[in-house]
């Protein structure tokens, strides 16, 4: 019975922390629901930054991998949260980057991504306003996003 109790404590602790390394354990990914945060589709970050400049918004970047369980949980439970969706769609240009595929490999190097998920807020010049390694629950993500907005607004 004690082993089972330790197991119940151990599994949630694992999910709280981010995925580190690059060993693949799964090739499936849970797509963000259509009712969740609207992530723009673009092959280049430059196009996303140009859109952010036109709309006078920050860019939210979610660096993920296909094998990262906390990334999948954020897609399933956090980015689909109604408050998160509304706040992010109103205030940011959101962009998902698979750090192990295509141009994501280069972007992960440029932004020194070492853990997944890594969440960034960038200004329209591509400079990091805020960075967080690891998953967040909706409340924490909203607080993190508000800090990025506040920091950006004091600079501008």
C-alpha atoms as a PDB file:
ATOM      1  CA  UNK A   1       0.000   0.000   0.000  1.00  0.00           C
ATOM      2  CA  UNK A   2       2.865   2.372   0.795  1.00  0.00           C
ATOM      3  CA  UNK A   3       4.310   1.794  -2.668  1.00  0.00           C
ATOM      4  CA  UNK A   4       1.017   2.763  -4.252  1.00  0.00           C
ATOM      5  CA  UNK A   5       0.827   5.945  -2.144  1.00  0.00           C
ATOM      6  CA  UNK A   6       4.366   6.902  -3.182  1.00  0.00           C
ATOM      7  CA  UNK A   7       3.440   6.224  -6.802  1.00  0.00           C
ATOM      8  CA  UNK A   8       0.437   8.560  -6.528  1.00  0.00           C
ATOM      9  CA  UNK A   9       2.712  11.306  -5.182  1.00  0.00           C
ATOM     10  CA  UNK A  10       5.504  10.651  -7.684  1.00  0.00           C
ATOM     11  CA  UNK A  11       3.517  10.781 -10.950  1.00  0.00           C
ATOM     12  CA  UNK A  12       2.025  14.289 -10.459  1.00  0.00           C
ATOM     13  CA  UNK A  13       5.455  15.579  -9.433  1.00  0.00           C
ATOM     14  CA  UNK A  14       6.852  14.314 -12.725  1.00  0.00           C
ATOM     15  CA  UNK A  15       4.189  16.150 -14.683  1.00  0.00           C
ATOM     16  CA  UNK A  16       4.873  19.437 -12.926  1.00  0.00           C
ATOM     17  CA  UNK A  17       8.450  19.526 -14.109  1.00  0.00           C
ATOM     18  CA  UNK A  18       9.458  20.099 -17.684  1.00  0.00           C
ATOM     19  CA  UNK A  19      10.834  17.539 -20.103  1.00  0.00           C
ATOM     20  CA  UNK A  20      14.578  17.811 -20.558  1.00  0.00           C
ATOM     21  CA  UNK A  21      16.729  16.183 -23.176  1.00  0.00           C
ATOM     22  CA  UNK A  22      15.930  14.976 -26.631  1.00  0.00           C
ATOM     23  CA  UNK A  23      15.154  11.277 -26.311  1.00  0.00           C
ATOM     24  CA  UNK A  24      11.885  10.507 -28.022  1.00  0.00           C
ATOM     25  CA  UNK A  25       9.433   8.365 -26.119  1.00  0.00           C
ATOM     26  CA  UNK A  26       6.374   8.913 -28.281  1.00  0.00           C
ATOM     27  CA  UNK A  27       5.622  10.093 -31.769  1.00  0.00           C
ATOM     28  CA  UNK A  28       2.058  11.251 -31.202  1.00  0.00           C
ATOM     29  CA  UNK A  29       0.965  14.741 -30.317  1.00  0.00           C
ATOM     30  CA  UNK A  30      -2.275  16.178 -29.022  1.00  0.00           C
ATOM     31  CA  UNK A  31      -3.247  19.105 -31.234  1.00  0.00           C
ATOM     32  CA  UNK A  32      -4.574  22.246 -29.628  1.00  0.00           C
ATOM     33  CA  UNK A  33      -8.342  22.225 -29.795  1.00  0.00           C
ATOM     34  CA  UNK A  34     -10.036  24.560 -32.265  1.00  0.00           C
ATOM     35  CA  UNK A  35     -11.756  26.085 -29.236  1.00  0.00           C
ATOM     36  CA  UNK A  36      -8.384  26.875 -27.630  1.00  0.00           C
ATOM     37  CA  UNK A  37      -5.732  29.542 -28.140  1.00  0.00           C
ATOM     38  CA  UNK A  38      -5.398  30.340 -31.838  1.00  0.00           C
ATOM     39  CA  UNK A  39      -1.804  29.659 -32.875  1.00  0.00           C
ATOM     40  CA  UNK A  40      -0.770  31.175 -36.197  1.00  0.00           C
ATOM     41  CA  UNK A  41       0.640  28.825 -38.789  1.00  0.00           C
ATOM     42  CA  UNK A  42       3.867  30.078 -40.301  1.00  0.00           C
ATOM     43  CA  UNK A  43       7.094  28.494 -41.498  1.00  0.00           C
ATOM     44  CA  UNK A  44       9.101  31.486 -40.298  1.00  0.00           C
ATOM     45  CA  UNK A  45       9.227  33.531 -37.135  1.00  0.00           C
ATOM     46  CA  UNK A  46       9.914  36.623 -39.257  1.00  0.00           C
ATOM     47  CA  UNK A  47       6.393  36.531 -40.691  1.00  0.00           C
ATOM     48  CA  UNK A  48       4.948  36.215 -37.187  1.00  0.00           C
ATOM     49  CA  UNK A  49       7.034  39.169 -35.955  1.00  0.00           C
ATOM     50  CA  UNK A  50       5.832  41.265 -38.892  1.00  0.00           C
ATOM     51  CA  UNK A  51       2.229  40.480 -37.992  1.00  0.00           C
ATOM     52  CA  UNK A  52       2.944  41.404 -34.360  1.00  0.00           C
ATOM     53  CA  UNK A  53       4.376  44.732 -35.490  1.00  0.00           C
ATOM     54  CA  UNK A  54       1.304  45.463 -37.667  1.00  0.00           C
ATOM     55  CA  UNK A  55      -1.058  44.603 -34.803  1.00  0.00           C
ATOM     56  CA  UNK A  56       1.137  46.145 -32.065  1.00  0.00           C
ATOM     57  CA  UNK A  57       1.192  42.914 -30.046  1.00  0.00           C
ATOM     58  CA  UNK A  58       3.761  40.689 -28.383  1.00  0.00           C
ATOM     59  CA  UNK A  59       4.439  37.226 -29.767  1.00  0.00           C
ATOM     60  CA  UNK A  60       3.839  34.245 -27.501  1.00  0.00           C
ATOM     61  CA  UNK A  61       5.981  31.263 -28.525  1.00  0.00           C
ATOM     62  CA  UNK A  62       5.394  27.738 -27.225  1.00  0.00           C
ATOM     63  CA  UNK A  63       8.469  25.547 -27.842  1.00  0.00           C
ATOM     64  CA  UNK A  64       7.428  21.897 -27.626  1.00  0.00           C
ATOM     65  CA  UNK A  65       8.385  18.402 -28.782  1.00  0.00           C
ATOM     66  CA  UNK A  66       6.203  15.480 -29.839  1.00  0.00           C
ATOM     67  CA  UNK A  67       7.362  13.316 -26.923  1.00  0.00           C
ATOM     68  CA  UNK A  68       6.935  15.891 -24.121  1.00  0.00           C
ATOM     69  CA  UNK A  69       4.047  14.947 -21.811  1.00  0.00           C
ATOM     70  CA  UNK A  70       3.778  18.369 -20.075  1.00  0.00           C
ATOM     71  CA  UNK A  71       3.566  19.929 -23.562  1.00  0.00           C
ATOM     72  CA  UNK A  72       0.674  17.649 -24.417  1.00  0.00           C
ATOM     73  CA  UNK A  73      -1.058  18.423 -21.130  1.00  0.00           C
ATOM     74  CA  UNK A  74      -0.758  22.160 -21.791  1.00  0.00           C
ATOM     75  CA  UNK A  75      -2.296  21.651 -25.249  1.00  0.00           C
ATOM     76  CA  UNK A  76      -5.124  19.629 -23.775  1.00  0.00           C
ATOM     77  CA  UNK A  77      -5.846  21.446 -20.502  1.00  0.00           C
ATOM     78  CA  UNK A  78      -4.276  24.920 -20.482  1.00  0.00           C
ATOM     79  CA  UNK A  79      -4.508  26.317 -24.011  1.00  0.00           C
ATOM     80  CA  UNK A  80      -8.152  25.204 -24.142  1.00  0.00           C
ATOM     81  CA  UNK A  81      -9.046  27.099 -20.948  1.00  0.00           C
ATOM     82  CA  UNK A  82     -11.567  29.798 -21.874  1.00  0.00           C
ATOM     83  CA  UNK A  83      -9.842  32.586 -19.899  1.00  0.00           C
ATOM     84  CA  UNK A  84      -6.449  31.676 -21.358  1.00  0.00           C
ATOM     85  CA  UNK A  85      -7.877  31.522 -24.882  1.00  0.00           C
ATOM     86  CA  UNK A  86      -9.601  34.896 -24.617  1.00  0.00           C
ATOM     87  CA  UNK A  87      -6.643  36.660 -22.997  1.00  0.00           C
ATOM     88  CA  UNK A  88      -4.089  35.266 -25.447  1.00  0.00           C
ATOM     89  CA  UNK A  89      -6.221  35.794 -28.552  1.00  0.00           C
ATOM     90  CA  UNK A  90      -6.873  39.417 -27.505  1.00  0.00           C
ATOM     91  CA  UNK A  91      -3.317  40.335 -26.509  1.00  0.00           C
ATOM     92  CA  UNK A  92      -0.793  38.206 -28.395  1.00  0.00           C
ATOM     93  CA  UNK A  93       0.132  36.599 -31.672  1.00  0.00           C
ATOM     94  CA  UNK A  94       0.589  32.975 -30.549  1.00  0.00           C
ATOM     95  CA  UNK A  95       3.022  30.662 -32.319  1.00  0.00           C
ATOM     96  CA  UNK A  96       3.903  26.997 -31.682  1.00  0.00           C
ATOM     97  CA  UNK A  97       7.374  25.705 -32.549  1.00  0.00           C
ATOM     98  CA  UNK A  98       8.364  22.046 -32.617  1.00  0.00           C
ATOM     99  CA  UNK A  99      11.968  22.331 -31.435  1.00  0.00           C
ATOM    100  CA  UNK A 100      13.001  19.123 -33.184  1.00  0.00           C
ATOM    101  CA  UNK A 101      11.600  19.677 -36.672  1.00  0.00           C
ATOM    102  CA  UNK A 102      12.223  22.073 -39.541  1.00  0.00           C
ATOM    103  CA  UNK A 103      13.137  25.634 -38.635  1.00  0.00           C
ATOM    104  CA  UNK A 104      12.254  24.870 -35.004  1.00  0.00           C
ATOM    105  CA  UNK A 105      15.704  23.318 -34.547  1.00  0.00           C
ATOM    106  CA  UNK A 106      17.353  26.629 -35.492  1.00  0.00           C
ATOM    107  CA  UNK A 107      14.966  28.691 -33.379  1.00  0.00           C
ATOM    108  CA  UNK A 108      15.569  26.443 -30.374  1.00  0.00           C
ATOM    109  CA  UNK A 109      19.301  27.080 -30.764  1.00  0.00           C
ATOM    110  CA  UNK A 110      18.896  30.843 -31.155  1.00  0.00           C
ATOM    111  CA  UNK A 111      16.680  31.114 -28.058  1.00  0.00           C
ATOM    112  CA  UNK A 112      18.779  28.583 -26.068  1.00  0.00           C
ATOM    113  CA  UNK A 113      15.880  26.211 -25.440  1.00  0.00           C
ATOM    114  CA  UNK A 114      16.958  23.434 -23.053  1.00  0.00           C
ATOM    115  CA  UNK A 115      13.672  22.121 -21.678  1.00  0.00           C
ATOM    116  CA  UNK A 116      10.137  21.566 -22.915  1.00  0.00           C
ATOM    117  CA  UNK A 117       7.875  23.265 -22.907  1.00  0.00           C
ATOM    118  CA  UNK A 118       9.652  26.612 -22.953  1.00  0.00           C
ATOM    119  CA  UNK A 119       7.352  29.596 -23.173  1.00  0.00           C
ATOM    120  CA  UNK A 120       8.557  32.928 -24.560  1.00  0.00           C
ATOM    121  CA  UNK A 121       7.126  36.357 -25.070  1.00  0.00           C
ATOM    122  CA  UNK A 122       8.906  38.293 -27.791  1.00  0.00           C
ATOM    123  CA  UNK A 123       8.591  41.890 -28.904  1.00  0.00           C
ATOM    124  CA  UNK A 124       8.189  42.641 -32.602  1.00  0.00           C
ATOM    125  CA  UNK A 125      11.991  42.790 -32.980  1.00  0.00           C
ATOM    126  CA  UNK A 126      12.324  39.185 -31.755  1.00  0.00           C
ATOM    127  CA  UNK A 127      13.790  40.149 -28.374  1.00  0.00           C
ATOM    128  CA  UNK A 128      12.787  38.075 -25.346  1.00  0.00           C
ATOM    129  CA  UNK A 129      10.523  39.967 -22.950  1.00  0.00           C
ATOM    130  CA  UNK A 130       9.826  36.965 -20.663  1.00  0.00           C
ATOM    131  CA  UNK A 131      10.943  33.317 -20.665  1.00  0.00           C
ATOM    132  CA  UNK A 132       9.766  30.308 -18.656  1.00  0.00           C
ATOM    133  CA  UNK A 133      10.960  26.722 -18.814  1.00  0.00           C
ATOM    134  CA  UNK A 134       8.318  24.186 -17.874  1.00  0.00           C
ATOM    135  CA  UNK A 135       4.567  23.873 -17.947  1.00  0.00           C
ATOM    136  CA  UNK A 136       2.130  26.207 -16.242  1.00  0.00           C
ATOM    137  CA  UNK A 137      -1.471  25.847 -15.155  1.00  0.00           C
ATOM    138  CA  UNK A 138      -3.962  28.432 -16.476  1.00  0.00           C
ATOM    139  CA  UNK A 139      -3.601  30.840 -13.536  1.00  0.00           C
ATOM    140  CA  UNK A 140       0.191  30.749 -13.681  1.00  0.00           C
ATOM    141  CA  UNK A 141       0.198  31.215 -17.452  1.00  0.00           C
ATOM    142  CA  UNK A 142      -2.124  34.217 -17.183  1.00  0.00           C
ATOM    143  CA  UNK A 143       0.117  35.788 -14.509  1.00  0.00           C
ATOM    144  CA  UNK A 144       3.206  35.122 -16.648  1.00  0.00           C
ATOM    145  CA  UNK A 145       1.496  36.693 -19.662  1.00  0.00           C
ATOM    146  CA  UNK A 146       0.421  39.745 -17.667  1.00  0.00           C
ATOM    147  CA  UNK A 147       4.036  40.250 -16.470  1.00  0.00           C
ATOM    148  CA  UNK A 148       5.183  40.195 -20.090  1.00  0.00           C
ATOM    149  CA  UNK A 149       2.540  42.776 -21.058  1.00  0.00           C
ATOM    150  CA  UNK A 150       3.417  44.994 -18.100  1.00  0.00           C
ATOM    151  CA  UNK A 151       7.129  44.813 -18.877  1.00  0.00           C
ATOM    152  CA  UNK A 152       6.500  45.553 -22.545  1.00  0.00           C
ATOM    153  CA  UNK A 153       4.205  48.478 -21.769  1.00  0.00           C
ATOM    154  CA  UNK A 154       6.731  50.123 -19.429  1.00  0.00           C
ATOM    155  CA  UNK A 155       9.403  49.964 -22.137  1.00  0.00           C
ATOM    156  CA  UNK A 156       7.128  51.451 -24.827  1.00  0.00           C
END
